[in-house]
Amino acid sequence: ALPPNDPLPTAKAAQALGLRSPASLLNFGARHGYSPGLVKRAANGLAAVYRGEAQRQNGGKALRLWSVVPQSALPQP
């Protein structure tokens, strides 16, 4: 199980991973079907784990939410 932490929107998760823009995280999710639990590893030793979507309070497109955790916290295969 992952350590509990607050899910982050894509832009903040990408920033935490050290990515230059959220687009790489969004493209990764789109390529892999946005299944909850999807893991994107980063060179800085962190990983973003896709948690699902949340509706924005003011409407509009749903937010895609990620948890950013150390790769060492990921379940090992």
PDB file of N, CA and C in Angstrom:
ATOM      1  N   ALA A   1       0.842  -1.195   0.000  1.00  0.00           N
ATOM      2  CA  ALA A   1       0.000   0.000   0.000  1.00  0.00           C
ATOM      3  C   ALA A   1       0.878   1.246   0.000  1.00  0.00           C
ATOM      4  N   LEU A   2       0.372   2.273  -0.614  1.00  0.00           N
ATOM      5  CA  LEU A   2       1.121   3.521  -0.680  1.00  0.00           C
ATOM      6  C   LEU A   2       0.964   4.298   0.611  1.00  0.00           C
ATOM      7  N   PRO A   3       1.978   5.068   0.971  1.00  0.00           N
ATOM      8  CA  PRO A   3       1.807   5.941   2.130  1.00  0.00           C
ATOM      9  C   PRO A   3       0.713   6.959   1.838  1.00  0.00           C
ATOM     10  N   PRO A   4      -0.130   7.250   2.819  1.00  0.00           N
ATOM     11  CA  PRO A   4      -1.212   8.201   2.548  1.00  0.00           C
ATOM     12  C   PRO A   4      -0.651   9.599   2.362  1.00  0.00           C
ATOM     13  N   ASN A   5      -1.132  10.271   1.358  1.00  0.00           N
ATOM     14  CA  ASN A   5      -0.799  11.683   1.185  1.00  0.00           C
ATOM     15  C   ASN A   5      -1.881  12.317   0.334  1.00  0.00           C
ATOM     16  N   ASP A   6      -1.912  13.619   0.340  1.00  0.00           N
ATOM     17  CA  ASP A   6      -2.951  14.307  -0.403  1.00  0.00           C
ATOM     18  C   ASP A   6      -2.683  14.197  -1.895  1.00  0.00           C
ATOM     19  N   PRO A   7      -3.702  13.817  -2.660  1.00  0.00           N
ATOM     20  CA  PRO A   7      -3.510  13.779  -4.108  1.00  0.00           C
ATOM     21  C   PRO A   7      -3.262  15.181  -4.657  1.00  0.00           C
ATOM     22  N   LEU A   8      -2.412  15.252  -5.650  1.00  0.00           N
ATOM     23  CA  LEU A   8      -2.063  16.525  -6.283  1.00  0.00           C
ATOM     24  C   LEU A   8      -2.625  16.564  -7.697  1.00  0.00           C
ATOM     25  N   PRO A   9      -3.024  17.764  -8.165  1.00  0.00           N
ATOM     26  CA  PRO A   9      -3.394  17.866  -9.573  1.00  0.00           C
ATOM     27  C   PRO A   9      -2.150  17.656 -10.445  1.00  0.00           C
ATOM     28  N   THR A  10      -2.359  17.343 -11.701  1.00  0.00           N
ATOM     29  CA  THR A  10      -1.264  16.999 -12.610  1.00  0.00           C
ATOM     30  C   THR A  10      -0.132  18.017 -12.604  1.00  0.00           C
ATOM     31  N   ALA A  11      -0.455  19.310 -12.652  1.00  0.00           N
ATOM     32  CA  ALA A  11       0.596  20.331 -12.731  1.00  0.00           C
ATOM     33  C   ALA A  11       1.514  20.289 -11.511  1.00  0.00           C
ATOM     34  N   LYS A  12       0.936  20.145 -10.315  1.00  0.00           N
ATOM     35  CA  LYS A  12       1.751  20.104  -9.104  1.00  0.00           C
ATOM     36  C   LYS A  12       2.539  18.796  -9.014  1.00  0.00           C
ATOM     37  N   ALA A  13       1.934  17.692  -9.446  1.00  0.00           N
ATOM     38  CA  ALA A  13       2.640  16.409  -9.430  1.00  0.00           C
ATOM     39  C   ALA A  13       3.827  16.455 -10.393  1.00  0.00           C
ATOM     40  N   ALA A  14       3.623  17.018 -11.579  1.00  0.00           N
ATOM     41  CA  ALA A  14       4.705  17.122 -12.563  1.00  0.00           C
ATOM     42  C   ALA A  14       5.843  17.973 -12.001  1.00  0.00           C
ATOM     43  N   GLN A  15       5.488  19.060 -11.328  1.00  0.00           N
ATOM     44  CA  GLN A  15       6.482  19.942 -10.724  1.00  0.00           C
ATOM     45  C   GLN A  15       7.280  19.181  -9.661  1.00  0.00           C
ATOM     46  N   ALA A  16       6.597  18.395  -8.837  1.00  0.00           N
ATOM     47  CA  ALA A  16       7.269  17.629  -7.789  1.00  0.00           C
ATOM     48  C   ALA A  16       8.231  16.602  -8.376  1.00  0.00           C
ATOM     49  N   LEU A  17       7.885  16.072  -9.557  1.00  0.00           N
ATOM     50  CA  LEU A  17       8.748  15.084 -10.205  1.00  0.00           C
ATOM     51  C   LEU A  17       9.927  15.739 -10.921  1.00  0.00           C
ATOM     52  N   GLY A  18       9.894  17.070 -11.016  1.00  0.00           N
ATOM     53  CA  GLY A  18      10.964  17.761 -11.715  1.00  0.00           C
ATOM     54  C   GLY A  18      10.765  17.800 -13.218  1.00  0.00           C
ATOM     55  N   LEU A  19       9.525  17.554 -13.664  1.00  0.00           N
ATOM     56  CA  LEU A  19       9.242  17.610 -15.103  1.00  0.00           C
ATOM     57  C   LEU A  19       9.087  19.068 -15.514  1.00  0.00           C
ATOM     58  N   ARG A  20       9.458  19.364 -16.754  1.00  0.00           N
ATOM     59  CA  ARG A  20       9.370  20.754 -17.211  1.00  0.00           C
ATOM     60  C   ARG A  20       7.935  21.214 -17.411  1.00  0.00           C
ATOM     61  N   SER A  21       7.055  20.285 -17.751  1.00  0.00           N
ATOM     62  CA  SER A  21       5.656  20.680 -17.942  1.00  0.00           C
ATOM     63  C   SER A  21       4.752  19.505 -17.597  1.00  0.00           C
ATOM     64  N   PRO A  22       3.489  19.805 -17.267  1.00  0.00           N
ATOM     65  CA  PRO A  22       2.543  18.728 -16.963  1.00  0.00           C
ATOM     66  C   PRO A  22       2.233  17.858 -18.171  1.00  0.00           C
ATOM     67  N   ALA A  23       2.563  18.342 -19.376  1.00  0.00           N
ATOM     68  CA  ALA A  23       2.194  17.600 -20.596  1.00  0.00           C
ATOM     69  C   ALA A  23       2.787  16.191 -20.603  1.00  0.00           C
ATOM     70  N   SER A  24       4.008  16.025 -20.116  1.00  0.00           N
ATOM     71  CA  SER A  24       4.602  14.686 -20.172  1.00  0.00           C
ATOM     72  C   SER A  24       3.849  13.720 -19.268  1.00  0.00           C
ATOM     73  N   LEU A  25       3.367  14.202 -18.133  1.00  0.00           N
ATOM     74  CA  LEU A  25       2.587  13.358 -17.232  1.00  0.00           C
ATOM     75  C   LEU A  25       1.217  13.055 -17.848  1.00  0.00           C
ATOM     76  N   LEU A  26       0.597  14.067 -18.463  1.00  0.00           N
ATOM     77  CA  LEU A  26      -0.699  13.863 -19.117  1.00  0.00           C
ATOM     78  C   LEU A  26      -0.569  12.893 -20.294  1.00  0.00           C
ATOM     79  N   ASN A  27       0.488  13.065 -21.088  1.00  0.00           N
ATOM     80  CA  ASN A  27       0.680  12.168 -22.238  1.00  0.00           C
ATOM     81  C   ASN A  27       0.933  10.746 -21.776  1.00  0.00           C
ATOM     82  N   PHE A  28       1.716  10.590 -20.707  1.00  0.00           N
ATOM     83  CA  PHE A  28       1.973   9.260 -20.153  1.00  0.00           C
ATOM     84  C   PHE A  28       0.657   8.610 -19.730  1.00  0.00           C
ATOM     85  N   GLY A  29      -0.166   9.370 -19.007  1.00  0.00           N
ATOM     86  CA  GLY A  29      -1.453   8.839 -18.567  1.00  0.00           C
ATOM     87  C   GLY A  29      -2.341   8.463 -19.735  1.00  0.00           C
ATOM     88  N   ALA A  30      -2.373   9.308 -20.748  1.00  0.00           N
ATOM     89  CA  ALA A  30      -3.219   9.037 -21.917  1.00  0.00           C
ATOM     90  C   ALA A  30      -2.748   7.784 -22.647  1.00  0.00           C
ATOM     91  N   ARG A  31      -1.429   7.628 -22.780  1.00  0.00           N
ATOM     92  CA  ARG A  31      -0.888   6.446 -23.465  1.00  0.00           C
ATOM     93  C   ARG A  31      -1.238   5.159 -22.732  1.00  0.00           C
ATOM     94  N   HIS A  32      -1.329   5.231 -21.407  1.00  0.00           N
ATOM     95  CA  HIS A  32      -1.534   4.026 -20.603  1.00  0.00           C
ATOM     96  C   HIS A  32      -2.951   3.910 -20.055  1.00  0.00           C
ATOM     97  N   GLY A  33      -3.856   4.743 -20.526  1.00  0.00           N
ATOM     98  CA  GLY A  33      -5.271   4.585 -20.209  1.00  0.00           C
ATOM     99  C   GLY A  33      -5.722   5.115 -18.856  1.00  0.00           C
ATOM    100  N   TYR A  34      -4.896   5.885 -18.164  1.00  0.00           N
ATOM    101  CA  TYR A  34      -5.301   6.484 -16.885  1.00  0.00           C
ATOM    102  C   TYR A  34      -5.932   5.484 -15.931  1.00  0.00           C
ATOM    103  N   SER A  35      -5.322   4.316 -15.770  1.00  0.00           N
ATOM    104  CA  SER A  35      -5.872   3.379 -14.799  1.00  0.00           C
ATOM    105  C   SER A  35      -5.350   3.760 -13.413  1.00  0.00           C
ATOM    106  N   PRO A  36      -6.239   3.787 -12.401  1.00  0.00           N
ATOM    107  CA  PRO A  36      -5.773   4.114 -11.053  1.00  0.00           C
ATOM    108  C   PRO A  36      -4.642   3.165 -10.635  1.00  0.00           C
ATOM    109  N   GLY A  37      -3.611   3.717 -10.055  1.00  0.00           N
ATOM    110  CA  GLY A  37      -2.443   2.921  -9.690  1.00  0.00           C
ATOM    111  C   GLY A  37      -1.330   3.004 -10.721  1.00  0.00           C
ATOM    112  N   LEU A  38      -1.605   3.631 -11.862  1.00  0.00           N
ATOM    113  CA  LEU A  38      -0.582   3.816 -12.888  1.00  0.00           C
ATOM    114  C   LEU A  38       0.594   4.604 -12.302  1.00  0.00           C
ATOM    115  N   VAL A  39       1.822   4.140 -12.533  1.00  0.00           N
ATOM    116  CA  VAL A  39       2.995   4.763 -11.925  1.00  0.00           C
ATOM    117  C   VAL A  39       3.909   5.350 -12.987  1.00  0.00           C
ATOM    118  N   LYS A  40       4.267   6.615 -12.802  1.00  0.00           N
ATOM    119  CA  LYS A  40       5.258   7.286 -13.653  1.00  0.00           C
ATOM    120  C   LYS A  40       6.465   7.575 -12.770  1.00  0.00           C
ATOM    121  N   ARG A  41       7.585   6.927 -13.088  1.00  0.00           N
ATOM    122  CA  ARG A  41       8.808   7.140 -12.314  1.00  0.00           C
ATOM    123  C   ARG A  41       9.580   8.318 -12.891  1.00  0.00           C
ATOM    124  N   ALA A  42      10.290   9.031 -12.024  1.00  0.00           N
ATOM    125  CA  ALA A  42      11.066  10.185 -12.466  1.00  0.00           C
ATOM    126  C   ALA A  42      12.534   9.985 -12.092  1.00  0.00           C
ATOM    127  N   ALA A  43      13.392  10.741 -12.757  1.00  0.00           N
ATOM    128  CA  ALA A  43      14.831  10.625 -12.537  1.00  0.00           C
ATOM    129  C   ALA A  43      15.248  11.072 -11.137  1.00  0.00           C
ATOM    130  N   ASN A  44      14.407  11.874 -10.468  1.00  0.00           N
ATOM    131  CA  ASN A  44      14.790  12.383  -9.150  1.00  0.00           C
ATOM    132  C   ASN A  44      14.478  11.415  -8.008  1.00  0.00           C
ATOM    133  N   GLY A  45      14.081  10.168  -8.332  1.00  0.00           N
ATOM    134  CA  GLY A  45      13.825   9.185  -7.290  1.00  0.00           C
ATOM    135  C   GLY A  45      12.397   9.181  -6.785  1.00  0.00           C
ATOM    136  N   LEU A  46      11.563  10.067  -7.339  1.00  0.00           N
ATOM    137  CA  LEU A  46      10.156  10.087  -6.959  1.00  0.00           C
ATOM    138  C   LEU A  46       9.324   9.411  -8.039  1.00  0.00           C
ATOM    139  N   ALA A  47       8.084   9.121  -7.704  1.00  0.00           N
ATOM    140  CA  ALA A  47       7.156   8.544  -8.670  1.00  0.00           C
ATOM    141  C   ALA A  47       5.786   9.166  -8.442  1.00  0.00           C
ATOM    142  N   ALA A  48       5.040   9.344  -9.515  1.00  0.00           N
ATOM    143  CA  ALA A  48       3.656   9.815  -9.420  1.00  0.00           C
ATOM    144  C   ALA A  48       2.752   8.612  -9.644  1.00  0.00           C
ATOM    145  N   VAL A  49       1.789   8.443  -8.771  1.00  0.00           N
ATOM    146  CA  VAL A  49       0.833   7.343  -8.871  1.00  0.00           C
ATOM    147  C   VAL A  49      -0.536   7.951  -9.153  1.00  0.00           C
ATOM    148  N   TYR A  50      -1.145   7.531 -10.262  1.00  0.00           N
ATOM    149  CA  TYR A  50      -2.436   8.094 -10.647  1.00  0.00           C
ATOM    150  C   TYR A  50      -3.524   7.603  -9.698  1.00  0.00           C
ATOM    151  N   ARG A  51      -4.325   8.540  -9.165  1.00  0.00           N
ATOM    152  CA  ARG A  51      -5.348   8.198  -8.182  1.00  0.00           C
ATOM    153  C   ARG A  51      -6.768   8.250  -8.745  1.00  0.00           C
ATOM    154  N   GLY A  52      -6.961   8.961  -9.844  1.00  0.00           N
ATOM    155  CA  GLY A  52      -8.306   9.084 -10.387  1.00  0.00           C
ATOM    156  C   GLY A  52      -8.633  10.542 -10.660  1.00  0.00           C
ATOM    157  N   GLU A  53      -9.907  10.805 -10.872  1.00  0.00           N
ATOM    158  CA  GLU A  53     -10.349  12.154 -11.200  1.00  0.00           C
ATOM    159  C   GLU A  53     -11.188  12.734 -10.077  1.00  0.00           C
ATOM    160  N   ALA A  54     -11.199  14.045 -10.005  1.00  0.00           N
ATOM    161  CA  ALA A  54     -12.081  14.761  -9.080  1.00  0.00           C
ATOM    162  C   ALA A  54     -12.755  15.881  -9.856  1.00  0.00           C
ATOM    163  N   GLN A  55     -14.020  16.070  -9.596  1.00  0.00           N
ATOM    164  CA  GLN A  55     -14.730  17.162 -10.263  1.00  0.00           C
ATOM    165  C   GLN A  55     -14.312  18.484  -9.630  1.00  0.00           C
ATOM    166  N   ARG A  56     -14.133  19.486 -10.465  1.00  0.00           N
ATOM    167  CA  ARG A  56     -13.838  20.824  -9.949  1.00  0.00           C
ATOM    168  C   ARG A  56     -15.114  21.384  -9.328  1.00  0.00           C
ATOM    169  N   GLN A  57     -14.949  22.154  -8.269  1.00  0.00           N
ATOM    170  CA  GLN A  57     -16.115  22.728  -7.597  1.00  0.00           C
ATOM    171  C   GLN A  57     -16.861  23.694  -8.505  1.00  0.00           C
ATOM    172  N   ASN A  58     -16.135  24.378  -9.397  1.00  0.00           N
ATOM    173  CA  ASN A  58     -16.792  25.355 -10.266  1.00  0.00           C
ATOM    174  C   ASN A  58     -17.092  24.788 -11.651  1.00  0.00           C
ATOM    175  N   GLY A  59     -17.116  23.465 -11.771  1.00  0.00           N
ATOM    176  CA  GLY A  59     -17.411  22.839 -13.053  1.00  0.00           C
ATOM    177  C   GLY A  59     -16.173  22.786 -13.934  1.00  0.00           C
ATOM    178  N   GLY A  60     -16.354  22.512 -15.207  1.00  0.00           N
ATOM    179  CA  GLY A  60     -15.221  22.402 -16.116  1.00  0.00           C
ATOM    180  C   GLY A  60     -14.687  20.979 -16.134  1.00  0.00           C
ATOM    181  N   LYS A  61     -13.524  20.828 -16.747  1.00  0.00           N
ATOM    182  CA  LYS A  61     -12.937  19.492 -16.877  1.00  0.00           C
ATOM    183  C   LYS A  61     -12.535  18.950 -15.517  1.00  0.00           C
ATOM    184  N   ALA A  62     -12.642  17.653 -15.363  1.00  0.00           N
ATOM    185  CA  ALA A  62     -12.239  17.016 -14.107  1.00  0.00           C
ATOM    186  C   ALA A  62     -10.732  17.153 -13.917  1.00  0.00           C
ATOM    187  N   LEU A  63     -10.324  17.232 -12.663  1.00  0.00           N
ATOM    188  CA  LEU A  63      -8.899  17.253 -12.330  1.00  0.00           C
ATOM    189  C   LEU A  63      -8.393  15.824 -12.272  1.00  0.00           C
ATOM    190  N   ARG A  64      -7.244  15.582 -12.857  1.00  0.00           N
ATOM    191  CA  ARG A  64      -6.609  14.275 -12.709  1.00  0.00           C
ATOM    192  C   ARG A  64      -5.695  14.376 -11.496  1.00  0.00           C
ATOM    193  N   LEU A  65      -5.824  13.428 -10.583  1.00  0.00           N
ATOM    194  CA  LEU A  65      -5.099  13.512  -9.316  1.00  0.00           C
ATOM    195  C   LEU A  65      -4.023  12.436  -9.211  1.00  0.00           C
ATOM    196  N   TRP A  66      -2.890  12.826  -8.659  1.00  0.00           N
ATOM    197  CA  TRP A  66      -1.739  11.954  -8.520  1.00  0.00           C
ATOM    198  C   TRP A  66      -1.211  12.039  -7.096  1.00  0.00           C
ATOM    199  N   SER A  67      -0.590  10.964  -6.627  1.00  0.00           N
ATOM    200  CA  SER A  67       0.172  11.002  -5.384  1.00  0.00           C
ATOM    201  C   SER A  67       1.633  10.923  -5.773  1.00  0.00           C
ATOM    202  N   VAL A  68       2.463  11.749  -5.167  1.00  0.00           N
ATOM    203  CA  VAL A  68       3.896  11.705  -5.425  1.00  0.00           C
ATOM    204  C   VAL A  68       4.559  11.058  -4.221  1.00  0.00           C
ATOM    205  N   VAL A  69       5.279   9.971  -4.475  1.00  0.00           N
ATOM    206  CA  VAL A  69       5.912   9.191  -3.409  1.00  0.00           C
ATOM    207  C   VAL A  69       7.345   8.854  -3.811  1.00  0.00           C
ATOM    208  N   PRO A  70       8.201   8.566  -2.833  1.00  0.00           N
ATOM    209  CA  PRO A  70       9.532   8.066  -3.194  1.00  0.00           C
ATOM    210  C   PRO A  70       9.384   6.715  -3.886  1.00  0.00           C
ATOM    211  N   GLN A  71      10.230   6.462  -4.883  1.00  0.00           N
ATOM    212  CA  GLN A  71      10.140   5.174  -5.578  1.00  0.00           C
ATOM    213  C   GLN A  71      10.355   4.014  -4.605  1.00  0.00           C
ATOM    214  N   SER A  72      11.115   4.259  -3.540  1.00  0.00           N
ATOM    215  CA  SER A  72      11.356   3.193  -2.556  1.00  0.00           C
ATOM    216  C   SER A  72      10.080   2.781  -1.833  1.00  0.00           C
ATOM    217  N   ALA A  73       9.045   3.644  -1.863  1.00  0.00           N
ATOM    218  CA  ALA A  73       7.785   3.330  -1.198  1.00  0.00           C
ATOM    219  C   ALA A  73       6.852   2.504  -2.078  1.00  0.00           C
ATOM    220  N   LEU A  74       7.212   2.339  -3.346  1.00  0.00           N
ATOM    221  CA  LEU A  74       6.362   1.571  -4.254  1.00  0.00           C
ATOM    222  C   LEU A  74       6.471   0.087  -3.930  1.00  0.00           C
ATOM    223  N   PRO A  75       5.372  -0.647  -4.098  1.00  0.00           N
ATOM    224  CA  PRO A  75       5.460  -2.100  -3.926  1.00  0.00           C
ATOM    225  C   PRO A  75       6.454  -2.690  -4.920  1.00  0.00           C
ATOM    226  N   GLN A  76       7.278  -3.584  -4.461  1.00  0.00           N
ATOM    227  CA  GLN A  76       8.265  -4.195  -5.356  1.00  0.00           C
ATOM    228  C   GLN A  76       7.631  -5.421  -6.029  1.00  0.00           C
ATOM    229  N   PRO A  77       7.921  -5.615  -7.327  1.00  0.00           N
ATOM    230  CA  PRO A  77       7.329  -6.767  -8.032  1.00  0.00           C
ATOM    231  C   PRO A  77       7.875  -8.082  -7.513  1.00  0.00           C
TER     232      PRO A  77
END
